[in-house]
Amino acid sequence: MKTKNQHIQIIFIIIKSILHLLKKNISVKKLFFFSIILVSFFSISFIINNNSKLNYRLPCCISSIFSADIDLDGDNDLITGHATGEGYSDTAIVILNNYGNGYFNQNYNSFQYTGYQYEVFAVDLNSNNYPDIVSFYTDVTSGVPIRYIRVLYNNYGTFGQFADFPMNISEPVWAKTYGDIDGDNDVDIMIASSPGYKWGIMTNDGSGILSAPEYYDMDYAPVDIECSDMNNDNLKDIIIAGTDNTLFLNTGLGFQEMIFEWSHLQEVEIDDFNNDGINDIVGIESFWNTSLFIYENNWDTTFTKHTALVYDSVLYNPVVGDINNDSLPDVICTSFSGVFVLKNNGDYTLKLPDYYPFPISCYVAGYAYCSDLNNDGCMDITAVLHHPTELSTQLMTLFNDGTGHFVQTPVTEVENPKQKFQNPILKCFPNPFHKKVTILVKIENKTKATVRITELTGREIKTLQESTLKPGEYEFHWDGTNNTGQMCPNGLYFVLLETEQMTETKIILFN
């Protein structure tokens, strides 16, 4: 986090850099160009660091969190769902756009209507590649609640249109999920009503229009619903959690019902927990303590139950994600007081959790979601608190340091153990830097390659590499000195990679 003095220091660096350019007697055109670069860099730095407290004041009663690239700009944005009681029209949905580095625009977009927004999510329903927001809406104008799925359609990054699809049910619906249940290559919506003792399917016609639900009655109250292929037949199946726990196996003509667990699970998540190529189930049972179970898929629609962890505290709302890049899905839970990260041992057990406390305790357990927020190839965690009043501490972002441990400010250019490079082929971290910057270069073909540090005027400061390189990944370091070993002044510099095929440049800040 930059302090006021640090911002003053950056301004001083900018002024000093411009004066240095004037001494070089460069043209007015070049001076204007470099001034724009300097001011732009400072403006971005100010915006980012002005938000670096990571306090986002959001409306009250957050009931779910989801992450998706809403505007298709290459980074994951955030969507929060809020509980708005019947008869009120408070904020139901909030969208926070990502600056691209894990900081979010505090001038968020919001939508006001009635509905308890449990399990809000964003998926492309109308095949324009932009994720639409799927939520609940309750119309109480007649005095009798009429319940709908409300879809906020994403028109190339903006939301101006919506449609309401009746759920044709008098009882509340609290759980929903999505998947291509009918195999026609579009996303359908599945819902479950605990008071109504039923679950249903609303199929998509491909243009984002949902059908009336087809309901299936149950002998118990469903509390969670998930959709995934559980037998590798390329058909999506349904998993229901509750006092009993049922797999509805999709045959293409209907569903074959199978109970896989007779005890009460509050929630389930689906993933391949042992990397054997078929999905398993993790379930949570929380009363006086917490029991987490992994149901190993035996490839024949039967499951072997493993006690993954018994923990003294009460945990809720599990989500899964590979947070330490070992290709095994881990489990993240929340409580009234914080976030718990349980790493996968690979043998159907989970390690004791790493604990990250909320800034305050809340009355209802928080909610979490895993996604890469700062484009470093590692899964980060966003957690929200369900609090009855508006606070500046209701959203907490935890940034992965690359090893599965988390900090509360974005980590710049963490090396991904799975894949150092995706695109581009030149990376610099940390940036800004104080003592040393690491420069990673990927060479795809044998070529003559030069890596240099230059001033913004183009004058060379130091040559780090100048020879023929074979295909591979290379690491260089710059300690702030020039070719004669003298320390360079603080300021902005170019890292320049030149090969026979291309030239690539990065701006770095030495402070």
Protein backbone atom coordinates (compact mmCIF):
# COMPACT_ATOMS: atom_id res chain seq x y z
CA MET A 1 0.00 0.00 0.00
CA LYS A 2 1.44 3.35 -0.99
CA THR A 3 1.42 6.13 1.60
CA LYS A 4 0.99 9.83 0.85
CA ASN A 5 4.78 10.28 1.04
CA GLN A 6 5.27 7.46 -1.48
CA HIS A 7 2.87 9.14 -3.90
CA ILE A 8 4.83 12.39 -3.47
CA GLN A 9 7.99 10.41 -4.17
CA ILE A 10 6.52 9.08 -7.42
CA ILE A 11 5.53 12.62 -8.47
CA PHE A 12 9.11 13.70 -7.74
CA ILE A 13 10.43 10.84 -9.88
CA ILE A 14 8.16 11.90 -12.76
CA ILE A 15 9.27 15.55 -12.55
CA LYS A 16 12.91 14.52 -12.32
CA SER A 17 12.56 12.22 -15.33
CA ILE A 18 10.99 15.01 -17.42
CA LEU A 19 13.77 17.44 -16.42
CA HIS A 20 16.32 14.78 -17.39
CA LEU A 21 14.68 14.53 -20.82
CA LEU A 22 14.84 18.33 -21.21
CA LYS A 23 18.58 18.26 -20.50
CA LYS A 24 18.95 15.74 -23.33
CA ASN A 25 17.51 18.36 -25.73
CA ILE A 26 15.06 15.87 -27.18
CA SER A 27 12.30 17.06 -29.51
CA VAL A 28 9.00 18.45 -28.25
CA LYS A 29 7.20 15.52 -29.86
CA LYS A 30 9.31 12.98 -27.99
CA LEU A 31 9.00 14.94 -24.76
CA PHE A 32 5.20 14.95 -25.10
CA PHE A 33 5.19 11.21 -25.80
CA PHE A 34 7.34 10.33 -22.81
CA SER A 35 5.40 12.72 -20.56
CA ILE A 36 2.19 10.90 -21.50
CA ILE A 37 3.83 7.58 -20.56
CA LEU A 38 5.00 8.94 -17.21
CA VAL A 39 1.69 10.57 -16.31
CA SER A 40 -0.26 7.48 -17.39
CA PHE A 41 1.96 5.24 -15.29
CA PHE A 42 1.45 7.51 -12.29
CA SER A 43 -2.30 7.68 -12.86
CA ILE A 44 -2.56 3.89 -12.93
CA SER A 45 -0.33 3.67 -9.87
CA PHE A 46 -2.52 6.20 -8.05
CA ILE A 47 -5.76 4.43 -8.98
CA ILE A 48 -4.38 1.06 -7.95
CA ASN A 49 -2.83 2.19 -4.74
CA ASN A 50 -5.77 4.40 -3.83
CA ASN A 51 -7.71 1.12 -3.82
CA SER A 52 -4.93 -0.89 -2.18
CA LYS A 53 -6.67 -0.89 1.18
CA LEU A 54 -8.89 -3.49 -0.48
CA ASN A 55 -11.92 -2.16 1.35
CA TYR A 56 -14.97 -2.25 -0.87
CA ARG A 57 -18.12 -0.73 0.60
CA LEU A 58 -20.96 -2.89 -0.67
CA PRO A 59 -24.67 -3.06 0.16
CA CYS A 60 -25.66 -5.22 3.10
CA CYS A 61 -26.73 -8.87 3.33
CA ILE A 62 -24.37 -10.44 0.78
CA SER A 63 -25.61 -13.98 0.19
CA SER A 64 -23.34 -15.24 -2.62
CA ILE A 65 -20.23 -14.45 -4.64
CA PHE A 66 -19.23 -15.45 -8.17
CA SER A 67 -16.36 -14.58 -10.51
CA ALA A 68 -16.36 -14.39 -14.30
CA ASP A 69 -14.89 -12.26 -17.07
CA ILE A 70 -17.98 -10.11 -17.54
CA ASP A 71 -16.52 -7.79 -20.19
CA LEU A 72 -14.18 -10.33 -21.87
CA ASP A 73 -11.14 -8.16 -21.25
CA GLY A 74 -9.02 -11.05 -20.02
CA ASP A 75 -9.53 -10.75 -16.25
CA ASN A 76 -12.08 -12.07 -13.78
CA ASP A 77 -14.67 -9.66 -12.43
CA LEU A 78 -16.84 -10.18 -9.34
CA ILE A 79 -20.60 -10.53 -8.92
CA THR A 80 -22.22 -10.44 -5.48
CA GLY A 81 -25.80 -11.44 -4.71
CA HIS A 82 -27.69 -9.79 -1.86
CA ALA A 83 -30.72 -10.84 0.17
CA THR A 84 -33.60 -8.46 -0.53
CA GLY A 85 -36.72 -9.29 1.43
CA GLU A 86 -40.20 -9.57 -0.06
CA GLY A 87 -41.77 -6.14 -0.34
CA TYR A 88 -38.42 -4.35 -0.68
CA SER A 89 -36.41 -3.26 -3.72
CA ASP A 90 -32.92 -2.95 -2.29
CA THR A 91 -29.75 -3.92 -4.12
CA ALA A 92 -29.92 -7.48 -5.39
CA ILE A 93 -26.83 -7.70 -7.65
CA VAL A 94 -23.49 -5.87 -7.66
CA ILE A 95 -20.82 -6.11 -10.38
CA LEU A 96 -17.23 -5.08 -9.60
CA ASN A 97 -14.98 -4.72 -12.65
CA ASN A 98 -11.38 -5.85 -12.33
CA TYR A 99 -8.66 -3.37 -13.28
CA GLY A 100 -6.67 -6.42 -14.42
CA ASN A 101 -4.46 -6.77 -11.38
CA GLY A 102 -6.85 -7.86 -8.63
CA TYR A 103 -8.06 -4.37 -7.72
CA PHE A 104 -11.69 -3.60 -8.44
CA ASN A 105 -13.58 -0.49 -9.48
CA GLN A 106 -15.41 0.85 -6.44
CA ASN A 107 -17.94 2.62 -8.70
CA TYR A 108 -19.77 -0.65 -9.12
CA ASN A 109 -22.87 -1.42 -11.18
CA SER A 110 -25.89 -2.51 -9.13
CA PHE A 111 -29.42 -3.73 -9.77
CA GLN A 112 -32.33 -3.31 -7.38
CA TYR A 113 -35.19 -5.79 -7.09
CA THR A 114 -36.71 -8.26 -4.64
CA GLY A 115 -35.13 -11.66 -4.20
CA TYR A 116 -32.85 -13.65 -1.95
CA GLN A 117 -29.76 -14.05 -4.13
CA TYR A 118 -28.39 -17.40 -3.02
CA GLU A 119 -25.90 -18.95 -5.44
CA VAL A 120 -25.87 -16.15 -8.02
CA PHE A 121 -23.78 -17.06 -11.08
CA ALA A 122 -22.89 -15.80 -14.55
CA VAL A 123 -22.90 -18.06 -17.64
CA ASP A 124 -23.42 -17.49 -21.36
CA LEU A 125 -27.07 -18.34 -22.03
CA ASN A 126 -27.57 -16.75 -25.45
CA SER A 127 -24.38 -17.84 -27.21
CA ASN A 128 -22.76 -14.41 -27.58
CA ASN A 129 -19.78 -15.51 -25.41
CA TYR A 130 -20.59 -12.90 -22.74
CA PRO A 131 -21.72 -14.37 -19.40
CA ASP A 132 -25.27 -13.47 -18.37
CA ILE A 133 -26.24 -13.17 -14.70
CA VAL A 134 -28.77 -15.68 -13.35
CA SER A 135 -30.64 -14.60 -10.22
CA PHE A 136 -33.90 -14.93 -8.31
CA TYR A 137 -36.77 -12.43 -8.47
CA THR A 138 -39.97 -12.39 -6.41
CA ASP A 139 -42.96 -10.32 -7.49
CA VAL A 140 -45.16 -9.44 -4.50
CA THR A 141 -47.30 -6.71 -6.05
CA SER A 142 -50.40 -8.94 -5.99
CA GLY A 143 -49.90 -9.81 -2.33
CA VAL A 144 -48.98 -13.40 -3.26
CA PRO A 145 -45.29 -14.11 -4.01
CA ILE A 146 -44.68 -15.10 -7.63
CA ARG A 147 -41.19 -16.52 -8.06
CA TYR A 148 -38.99 -16.17 -11.13
CA ILE A 149 -35.54 -16.82 -12.48
CA ARG A 150 -34.37 -13.37 -13.58
CA VAL A 151 -31.67 -13.30 -16.27
CA LEU A 152 -29.68 -10.09 -16.71
CA TYR A 153 -28.48 -10.32 -20.31
CA ASN A 154 -24.91 -9.27 -21.00
CA ASN A 155 -24.78 -7.06 -24.10
CA TYR A 156 -21.05 -7.06 -24.79
CA GLY A 157 -20.09 -6.05 -21.26
CA THR A 158 -23.15 -3.99 -20.30
CA PHE A 159 -26.49 -4.97 -18.81
CA GLY A 160 -29.59 -3.24 -20.12
CA GLN A 161 -32.09 -6.02 -20.72
CA PHE A 162 -33.49 -8.72 -18.49
CA ALA A 163 -36.17 -11.39 -18.65
CA ASP A 164 -38.17 -13.15 -15.94
CA PHE A 165 -39.01 -16.84 -16.22
CA PRO A 166 -41.67 -18.15 -13.80
CA MET A 167 -40.67 -21.08 -11.62
CA ASN A 168 -44.33 -22.05 -11.13
CA ILE A 169 -43.90 -22.88 -7.47
CA SER A 170 -45.42 -21.35 -4.34
CA GLU A 171 -42.63 -22.41 -1.98
CA PRO A 172 -39.27 -20.58 -1.82
CA VAL A 173 -36.42 -21.77 -4.04
CA TRP A 174 -32.99 -21.34 -2.50
CA ALA A 175 -30.65 -23.50 -4.58
CA LYS A 176 -29.80 -23.42 -8.27
CA THR A 177 -27.06 -24.58 -10.61
CA TYR A 178 -26.36 -24.82 -14.33
CA GLY A 179 -25.18 -27.24 -17.01
CA ASP A 180 -26.13 -28.66 -20.40
CA ILE A 181 -28.61 -31.20 -19.04
CA ASP A 182 -30.28 -32.02 -22.39
CA GLY A 183 -27.10 -32.29 -24.46
CA ASP A 184 -27.95 -29.57 -27.00
CA ASN A 185 -24.80 -27.50 -26.37
CA ASP A 186 -26.36 -24.66 -24.39
CA VAL A 187 -26.61 -23.96 -20.67
CA ASP A 188 -29.75 -25.03 -18.80
CA ILE A 189 -30.79 -24.04 -15.26
CA MET A 190 -31.61 -26.46 -12.43
CA ILE A 191 -33.39 -25.37 -9.23
CA ALA A 192 -34.27 -27.01 -5.91
CA SER A 193 -36.91 -26.09 -3.32
CA SER A 194 -36.33 -27.37 0.19
CA PRO A 195 -39.81 -26.40 1.48
CA GLY A 196 -41.37 -27.76 -1.71
CA TYR A 197 -39.59 -31.13 -1.59
CA LYS A 198 -38.75 -30.99 -5.29
CA TRP A 199 -36.16 -30.03 -7.86
CA GLY A 200 -36.64 -28.94 -11.47
CA ILE A 201 -35.05 -28.27 -14.86
CA MET A 202 -35.55 -25.12 -16.96
CA THR A 203 -34.13 -25.87 -20.41
CA ASN A 204 -32.57 -23.22 -22.63
CA ASP A 205 -33.71 -22.88 -26.26
CA GLY A 206 -30.24 -21.64 -27.23
CA SER A 207 -31.15 -17.96 -27.32
CA GLY A 208 -31.34 -17.48 -23.56
CA ILE A 209 -35.05 -18.20 -23.23
CA LEU A 210 -35.82 -20.68 -20.44
CA SER A 211 -38.67 -23.17 -20.45
CA ALA A 212 -41.19 -23.68 -17.67
CA PRO A 213 -39.63 -25.99 -15.10
CA GLU A 214 -40.08 -29.75 -15.22
CA TYR A 215 -40.24 -30.80 -11.57
CA TYR A 216 -39.24 -34.02 -9.84
CA ASP A 217 -40.75 -34.73 -6.43
CA MET A 218 -38.56 -35.96 -3.58
CA ASP A 219 -39.05 -37.79 -0.29
CA TYR A 220 -36.83 -35.33 1.53
CA ALA A 221 -36.03 -31.62 1.51
CA PRO A 222 -33.22 -30.83 -0.97
CA VAL A 223 -30.77 -28.22 0.35
CA ASP A 224 -28.18 -28.19 -2.44
CA ILE A 225 -28.07 -29.13 -6.12
CA GLU A 226 -25.08 -29.69 -8.41
CA CYS A 227 -24.72 -30.71 -12.05
CA SER A 228 -21.83 -32.71 -13.51
CA ASP A 229 -21.05 -35.82 -15.56
CA MET A 230 -20.60 -38.59 -12.98
CA ASN A 231 -20.08 -41.62 -15.28
CA ASN A 232 -18.17 -40.19 -18.27
CA ASP A 233 -21.00 -40.72 -20.75
CA ASN A 234 -20.98 -37.04 -21.80
CA LEU A 235 -24.38 -36.50 -20.18
CA LYS A 236 -24.75 -34.15 -17.23
CA ASP A 237 -26.12 -35.77 -14.06
CA ILE A 238 -27.72 -34.20 -10.99
CA ILE A 239 -26.56 -34.52 -7.38
CA ILE A 240 -28.94 -33.50 -4.58
CA ALA A 241 -27.91 -33.02 -0.93
CA GLY A 242 -30.23 -33.14 2.05
CA THR A 243 -31.33 -35.59 4.74
CA ASP A 244 -30.61 -38.21 2.10
CA ASN A 245 -28.23 -37.61 -0.80
CA THR A 246 -29.11 -38.68 -4.30
CA LEU A 247 -27.48 -39.07 -7.71
CA PHE A 248 -29.93 -38.63 -10.57
CA LEU A 249 -28.14 -40.39 -13.41
CA ASN A 250 -29.02 -38.91 -16.81
CA THR A 251 -29.87 -41.69 -19.30
CA GLY A 252 -30.72 -39.32 -22.14
CA LEU A 253 -34.38 -40.28 -21.81
CA GLY A 254 -34.84 -39.54 -18.13
CA PHE A 255 -33.13 -40.03 -14.78
CA GLN A 256 -32.17 -43.08 -12.78
CA GLU A 257 -32.31 -42.28 -9.06
CA MET A 258 -29.58 -43.63 -6.74
CA ILE A 259 -28.99 -42.71 -3.08
CA PHE A 260 -25.26 -42.55 -2.37
CA GLU A 261 -25.41 -41.37 1.27
CA TRP A 262 -28.13 -41.75 3.91
CA SER A 263 -26.77 -39.22 6.42
CA HIS A 264 -27.51 -35.49 6.28
CA LEU A 265 -25.16 -33.39 4.13
CA GLN A 266 -25.66 -29.62 4.00
CA GLU A 267 -23.74 -29.09 0.76
CA VAL A 268 -21.84 -31.01 -1.89
CA GLU A 269 -19.23 -30.09 -4.51
CA ILE A 270 -18.03 -32.10 -7.51
CA ASP A 271 -14.45 -32.61 -8.73
CA ASP A 272 -11.92 -35.33 -9.51
CA PHE A 273 -10.24 -35.57 -6.11
CA ASN A 274 -7.72 -38.28 -6.99
CA ASN A 275 -6.98 -37.49 -10.64
CA ASP A 276 -8.28 -40.83 -11.92
CA GLY A 277 -10.33 -39.23 -14.69
CA ILE A 278 -13.80 -39.39 -13.16
CA ASN A 279 -15.63 -36.99 -10.86
CA ASP A 280 -15.94 -37.61 -7.13
CA ILE A 281 -18.15 -35.87 -4.54
CA VAL A 282 -17.16 -33.92 -1.42
CA GLY A 283 -19.86 -33.36 1.18
CA ILE A 284 -19.97 -31.37 4.42
CA GLU A 285 -21.85 -32.20 7.60
CA SER A 286 -21.76 -29.41 10.18
CA PHE A 287 -23.50 -29.48 13.56
CA TRP A 288 -21.37 -29.18 16.71
CA ASN A 289 -18.25 -29.76 14.63
CA THR A 290 -17.49 -30.34 10.95
CA SER A 291 -17.08 -33.59 9.06
CA LEU A 292 -15.95 -33.53 5.45
CA PHE A 293 -16.42 -36.68 3.38
CA ILE A 294 -15.06 -37.56 -0.05
CA TYR A 295 -17.13 -40.06 -1.99
CA GLU A 296 -14.76 -41.90 -4.32
CA ASN A 297 -16.37 -42.71 -7.65
CA ASN A 298 -15.92 -46.42 -8.40
CA TRP A 299 -16.67 -46.01 -12.12
CA ASP A 300 -19.89 -48.05 -11.79
CA THR A 301 -22.17 -45.35 -10.28
CA THR A 302 -21.29 -46.56 -6.78
CA PHE A 303 -19.19 -44.62 -4.30
CA THR A 304 -16.76 -45.42 -1.50
CA LYS A 305 -17.06 -43.04 1.44
CA HIS A 306 -13.85 -41.60 2.96
CA THR A 307 -13.72 -39.38 6.03
CA ALA A 308 -11.51 -36.58 4.70
CA LEU A 309 -11.39 -34.48 7.88
CA VAL A 310 -13.12 -34.02 11.22
CA TYR A 311 -12.63 -30.51 12.60
CA ASP A 312 -13.67 -28.99 15.93
CA SER A 313 -15.03 -25.73 14.50
CA VAL A 314 -18.23 -25.45 12.48
CA LEU A 315 -17.52 -24.76 8.80
CA TYR A 316 -19.92 -24.03 5.95
CA ASN A 317 -20.23 -23.33 2.23
CA PRO A 318 -17.44 -25.44 0.67
CA VAL A 319 -15.99 -24.59 -2.73
CA VAL A 320 -13.20 -26.37 -4.56
CA GLY A 321 -10.15 -25.19 -6.47
CA ASP A 322 -6.50 -26.15 -6.93
CA ILE A 323 -4.90 -23.47 -4.78
CA ASN A 324 -1.34 -24.87 -4.62
CA ASN A 325 -0.94 -25.93 -8.27
CA ASP A 326 -0.46 -29.65 -7.55
CA SER A 327 -3.31 -30.66 -9.90
CA LEU A 328 -5.44 -31.79 -6.95
CA PRO A 329 -8.60 -29.90 -6.00
CA ASP A 330 -8.51 -28.37 -2.52
CA VAL A 331 -11.48 -27.32 -0.39
CA ILE A 332 -12.20 -23.80 0.88
CA CYS A 333 -14.83 -23.28 3.60
CA THR A 334 -16.10 -20.29 5.54
CA SER A 335 -17.46 -19.71 9.03
CA PHE A 336 -18.81 -16.76 10.99
CA SER A 337 -15.24 -15.57 11.56
CA GLY A 338 -13.13 -16.33 8.51
CA VAL A 339 -11.93 -18.49 5.62
CA PHE A 340 -10.49 -21.99 6.02
CA VAL A 341 -8.26 -23.53 3.32
CA LEU A 342 -8.04 -27.34 3.42
CA LYS A 343 -5.41 -28.80 1.09
CA ASN A 344 -5.84 -32.14 -0.60
CA ASN A 345 -3.40 -34.87 0.49
CA GLY A 346 -4.22 -36.93 -2.59
CA ASP A 347 -5.44 -39.94 -0.57
CA TYR A 348 -9.02 -38.80 0.08
CA THR A 349 -7.97 -36.85 3.17
CA LEU A 350 -7.55 -33.12 3.75
CA LYS A 351 -4.93 -31.28 5.76
CA LEU A 352 -5.91 -29.27 8.80
CA PRO A 353 -6.98 -25.86 7.53
CA ASP A 354 -5.04 -22.65 7.13
CA TYR A 355 -7.16 -19.91 8.69
CA TYR A 356 -7.66 -16.37 7.38
CA PRO A 357 -9.91 -14.27 9.68
CA PHE A 358 -12.55 -11.85 8.45
CA PRO A 359 -12.02 -8.21 9.52
CA ILE A 360 -15.12 -8.64 11.69
CA SER A 361 -17.34 -11.53 12.68
CA CYS A 362 -20.72 -11.79 11.00
CA TYR A 363 -24.11 -13.16 11.98
CA VAL A 364 -24.29 -15.65 9.12
CA ALA A 365 -21.39 -17.70 7.74
CA GLY A 366 -19.60 -16.02 4.86
CA TYR A 367 -19.30 -17.20 1.28
CA ALA A 368 -16.19 -17.74 -0.85
CA TYR A 369 -15.22 -18.25 -4.47
CA CYS A 370 -11.95 -19.32 -6.14
CA SER A 371 -10.60 -17.71 -9.31
CA ASP A 372 -7.43 -16.07 -10.61
CA LEU A 373 -7.93 -12.37 -9.86
CA ASN A 374 -4.54 -10.93 -10.82
CA ASN A 375 -3.66 -13.04 -13.88
CA ASP A 376 -0.66 -14.79 -12.34
CA GLY A 377 -1.91 -18.32 -13.05
CA CYS A 378 -2.76 -19.06 -9.41
CA MET A 379 -6.16 -19.43 -7.78
CA ASP A 380 -7.09 -16.57 -5.44
CA ILE A 381 -9.99 -16.45 -2.99
CA THR A 382 -12.73 -13.86 -2.66
CA ALA A 383 -14.86 -14.04 0.49
CA VAL A 384 -17.87 -12.00 1.52
CA LEU A 385 -19.63 -11.47 4.84
CA HIS A 386 -23.38 -11.61 5.28
CA HIS A 387 -23.90 -8.59 7.53
CA PRO A 388 -27.17 -6.66 8.07
CA THR A 389 -25.52 -3.26 7.63
CA GLU A 390 -23.36 -1.72 4.90
CA LEU A 391 -19.68 -1.99 5.79
CA SER A 392 -16.37 -1.26 4.07
CA THR A 393 -15.06 -4.67 5.12
CA GLN A 394 -17.70 -7.01 3.69
CA LEU A 395 -15.53 -8.25 0.82
CA MET A 396 -12.11 -9.80 1.47
CA THR A 397 -9.68 -10.74 -1.31
CA LEU A 398 -6.93 -13.26 -0.57
CA PHE A 399 -4.16 -13.40 -3.16
CA ASN A 400 -2.20 -16.58 -3.73
CA ASP A 401 1.55 -16.14 -3.26
CA GLY A 402 2.18 -19.02 -5.66
CA THR A 403 2.53 -21.70 -2.99
CA GLY A 404 -1.05 -21.95 -1.77
CA HIS A 405 -0.63 -19.36 0.97
CA PHE A 406 -2.46 -16.06 0.82
CA VAL A 407 -1.88 -12.36 1.37
CA GLN A 408 -4.39 -9.50 1.21
CA THR A 409 -2.71 -7.44 -1.50
CA PRO A 410 -2.16 -8.63 -5.09
CA VAL A 411 1.08 -10.47 -5.75
CA THR A 412 2.75 -9.11 -8.88
CA GLU A 413 4.01 -11.61 -11.43
CA VAL A 414 4.10 -14.74 -9.27
CA GLU A 415 5.87 -17.56 -11.04
CA ASN A 416 3.35 -20.30 -11.74
CA PRO A 417 4.88 -23.72 -10.97
CA LYS A 418 2.63 -25.29 -13.62
CA GLN A 419 3.48 -22.91 -16.43
CA LYS A 420 5.78 -19.94 -16.23
CA PHE A 421 4.65 -18.56 -19.53
CA GLN A 422 1.36 -18.37 -21.28
CA ASN A 423 1.63 -15.11 -23.19
CA PRO A 424 3.64 -12.86 -23.53
CA ILE A 425 7.21 -14.20 -23.65
CA LEU A 426 8.73 -11.43 -21.49
CA LYS A 427 7.80 -11.05 -17.83
CA CYS A 428 9.24 -8.82 -15.08
CA PHE A 429 8.65 -9.06 -11.33
CA PRO A 430 8.35 -7.52 -8.85
CA ASN A 431 7.25 -4.32 -10.55
CA PRO A 432 7.80 -1.73 -9.07
CA PHE A 433 11.04 -3.03 -7.52
CA HIS A 434 13.55 -1.72 -5.00
CA LYS A 435 16.70 -3.87 -5.02
CA LYS A 436 16.39 -6.34 -7.87
CA VAL A 437 13.98 -7.15 -10.69
CA THR A 438 13.75 -10.64 -12.19
CA ILE A 439 13.28 -10.86 -15.97
CA LEU A 440 11.91 -14.08 -17.44
CA VAL A 441 12.33 -14.74 -21.15
CA LYS A 442 10.93 -17.60 -23.21
CA ILE A 443 12.66 -18.44 -26.48
CA GLU A 444 10.67 -20.68 -28.82
CA ASN A 445 13.27 -21.02 -31.62
CA LYS A 446 17.05 -20.80 -31.72
CA THR A 447 17.87 -17.15 -32.26
CA LYS A 448 20.22 -14.30 -31.50
CA ALA A 449 18.73 -12.52 -28.50
CA THR A 450 19.53 -9.31 -26.66
CA VAL A 451 18.06 -8.25 -23.31
CA ARG A 452 18.78 -4.64 -22.42
CA ILE A 453 17.73 -1.99 -19.91
CA THR A 454 17.26 1.45 -21.46
CA GLU A 455 16.07 4.89 -20.44
CA LEU A 456 12.75 6.04 -21.87
CA THR A 457 14.78 8.03 -24.42
CA GLY A 458 16.20 4.75 -25.72
CA ARG A 459 19.70 5.31 -24.30
CA GLU A 460 21.16 2.00 -23.17
CA ILE A 461 21.73 1.54 -19.44
CA LYS A 462 22.81 -2.08 -19.24
CA THR A 463 23.04 -5.15 -21.47
CA LEU A 464 22.02 -8.31 -19.62
CA GLN A 465 22.20 -10.77 -22.52
CA GLU A 466 23.66 -10.71 -26.01
CA SER A 467 24.22 -14.11 -27.64
CA THR A 468 22.48 -16.96 -29.43
CA LEU A 469 19.93 -18.76 -27.26
CA LYS A 470 18.45 -22.20 -27.76
CA PRO A 471 14.70 -22.78 -27.20
CA GLY A 472 13.90 -22.64 -23.50
CA GLU A 473 13.20 -20.38 -20.55
CA TYR A 474 15.84 -17.98 -19.23
CA GLU A 475 16.08 -15.82 -16.12
CA PHE A 476 17.98 -12.54 -15.85
CA HIS A 477 18.30 -9.99 -13.05
CA TRP A 478 18.88 -6.26 -12.93
CA ASP A 479 20.06 -4.64 -9.71
CA GLY A 480 19.67 -1.01 -10.79
CA THR A 481 23.28 -0.52 -11.96
CA ASN A 482 24.54 0.52 -15.39
CA ASN A 483 27.21 -1.14 -17.54
CA THR A 484 29.97 0.45 -15.44
CA GLY A 485 28.50 -0.69 -12.12
CA GLN A 486 27.17 2.68 -11.05
CA MET A 487 23.73 2.88 -9.42
CA CYS A 488 21.07 4.41 -11.63
CA PRO A 489 18.60 7.01 -10.31
CA ASN A 490 15.10 5.94 -9.38
CA GLY A 491 12.62 6.20 -12.22
CA LEU A 492 11.01 4.45 -15.15
CA TYR A 493 13.02 2.21 -17.48
CA PHE A 494 12.41 -0.06 -20.45
CA VAL A 495 13.27 -3.77 -20.47
CA LEU A 496 13.89 -4.52 -24.14
CA LEU A 497 13.95 -8.05 -25.61
CA GLU A 498 15.16 -8.22 -29.21
CA THR A 499 15.37 -11.41 -31.27
CA GLU A 500 15.63 -12.13 -34.99
CA GLN A 501 11.85 -12.58 -35.06
CA MET A 502 10.47 -9.88 -32.78
CA THR A 503 10.97 -7.09 -30.25
CA GLU A 504 9.12 -6.83 -26.96
CA THR A 505 9.26 -4.10 -24.31
CA LYS A 506 8.17 -3.78 -20.69
CA ILE A 507 8.13 -0.63 -18.51
CA ILE A 508 9.50 -1.11 -15.00
CA LEU A 509 9.69 1.30 -12.05
CA PHE A 510 12.88 1.39 -9.97
CA ASN A 511 12.10 3.03 -6.62
